Amino acid sequence: MPSATIPRQVTPEQAADALREQLGDSYKITPQGEDGLTVKHGALSFATVLLGQDEDGTATTFHVHGGGLIITRLVNELGIARTVTEAIKESLGSAPSSPPSS
């Protein structure tokens, strides 16, 4: 499951707007509950995005899951879920990676 951490608080509405701008009109982004989105690209290609806020409100973590049944879920995990994760990172700015510990 791909994920991305953004170093600020992001609402589902802000995330949806950023994804629409980054991915274009061929993707349909709809709200899913209070803290999620569904991103569709055709009948069988879709992903679910869940937003998690840090307790102190300084970061938002996006967990992206490919949707579908067994085979299509695997294809969507490797395809659209990664595409959506990269779009989140590019449009909202991901947190810098921490340096490896010595």
Protein backbone atom coordinates (compact mmCIF):
# COMPACT_ATOMS: atom_id res chain seq x y z
CA MET A 1 0.00 0.00 0.00
CA PRO A 2 1.60 3.27 -1.10
CA SER A 3 1.47 6.21 1.27
CA ALA A 4 2.62 9.82 1.41
CA THR A 5 3.09 12.21 4.32
CA ILE A 6 2.51 15.91 3.76
CA PRO A 7 4.08 18.21 6.39
CA ARG A 8 0.90 20.21 7.03
CA GLN A 9 -2.77 19.66 7.66
CA VAL A 10 -4.69 18.90 4.44
CA THR A 11 -8.47 18.51 4.19
CA PRO A 12 -10.09 15.98 1.87
CA GLU A 13 -11.43 18.89 -0.20
CA GLN A 14 -7.94 20.37 -0.62
CA ALA A 15 -6.59 16.94 -1.56
CA ALA A 16 -9.36 16.39 -4.11
CA ASP A 17 -8.71 19.79 -5.73
CA ALA A 18 -4.96 19.12 -5.89
CA LEU A 19 -5.51 15.67 -7.41
CA ARG A 20 -7.96 17.02 -10.01
CA GLU A 21 -5.40 19.60 -11.08
CA GLN A 22 -2.49 17.12 -11.10
CA LEU A 23 -4.24 14.13 -12.73
CA GLY A 24 -6.53 15.92 -15.18
CA ASP A 25 -10.07 15.37 -16.41
CA SER A 26 -9.67 11.66 -17.20
CA TYR A 27 -9.72 10.88 -13.45
CA LYS A 28 -12.88 11.21 -11.36
CA ILE A 29 -12.31 12.13 -7.70
CA THR A 30 -15.21 11.79 -5.24
CA PRO A 31 -15.49 12.09 -1.44
CA GLN A 32 -15.59 8.84 0.54
CA GLY A 33 -16.83 9.35 4.10
CA GLU A 34 -15.37 12.11 6.27
CA ASP A 35 -11.69 11.45 5.63
CA GLY A 36 -11.37 9.69 2.31
CA LEU A 37 -11.53 9.94 -1.46
CA THR A 38 -12.12 7.56 -4.33
CA VAL A 39 -10.11 8.11 -7.51
CA LYS A 40 -11.41 6.38 -10.66
CA HIS A 41 -9.81 6.06 -14.06
CA GLY A 42 -12.17 3.85 -16.04
CA ALA A 43 -14.52 1.11 -14.93
CA LEU A 44 -11.98 -1.22 -13.30
CA SER A 45 -9.19 1.17 -12.36
CA PHE A 46 -9.76 2.85 -9.02
CA ALA A 47 -8.09 3.61 -5.71
CA THR A 48 -9.23 4.61 -2.24
CA VAL A 49 -7.36 7.38 -0.42
CA LEU A 50 -7.61 7.65 3.37
CA LEU A 51 -6.33 10.78 5.12
CA GLY A 52 -4.91 10.59 8.62
CA GLN A 53 -4.04 13.69 10.64
CA ASP A 54 -1.22 13.68 13.20
CA GLU A 55 -2.37 14.34 16.76
CA ASP A 56 -0.65 17.72 16.80
CA GLY A 57 -2.08 18.68 13.39
CA THR A 58 1.29 19.28 11.74
CA ALA A 59 1.11 16.53 9.09
CA THR A 60 -1.32 14.52 7.01
CA THR A 61 -0.63 10.95 5.95
CA PHE A 62 -2.35 9.61 2.84
CA HIS A 63 -2.83 5.83 2.61
CA VAL A 64 -3.70 4.76 -0.93
CA HIS A 65 -5.22 1.34 -1.70
CA GLY A 66 -5.92 -0.13 -5.11
CA GLY A 67 -9.52 -1.26 -5.41
CA GLY A 68 -11.23 -4.26 -6.94
CA LEU A 69 -11.30 -8.00 -6.58
CA ILE A 70 -8.21 -10.18 -6.23
CA ILE A 71 -6.55 -9.72 -9.65
CA THR A 72 -7.74 -6.17 -10.33
CA ARG A 73 -6.80 -5.10 -6.80
CA LEU A 74 -3.22 -6.24 -7.39
CA VAL A 75 -3.10 -4.44 -10.75
CA ASN A 76 -4.58 -1.30 -9.17
CA GLU A 77 -2.09 -1.42 -6.25
CA LEU A 78 0.76 -1.41 -8.77
CA GLY A 79 -0.90 1.05 -11.16
CA ILE A 80 -3.39 3.70 -10.12
CA ALA A 81 -2.51 3.60 -6.40
CA ARG A 82 1.10 4.49 -7.19
CA THR A 83 0.03 7.11 -9.72
CA VAL A 84 -2.26 8.75 -7.14
CA THR A 85 0.44 8.63 -4.45
CA GLU A 86 2.95 10.33 -6.73
CA ALA A 87 0.34 12.95 -7.69
CA ILE A 88 -0.26 13.67 -3.99
CA LYS A 89 3.47 14.08 -3.36
CA GLU A 90 3.95 16.34 -6.39
CA SER A 91 0.90 18.52 -5.88
CA LEU A 92 0.96 18.89 -2.08
CA GLY A 93 4.68 18.47 -1.31
CA SER A 94 5.75 15.38 0.62
CA ALA A 95 7.74 15.45 3.84
CA PRO A 96 11.47 15.11 3.40
CA SER A 97 12.86 11.65 4.03
CA SER A 98 14.71 11.30 7.29
CA PRO A 99 18.40 10.53 6.97
CA PRO A 100 19.45 6.98 7.80
CA SER A 101 20.62 6.44 11.36
CA SER A 102 24.29 5.63 11.90
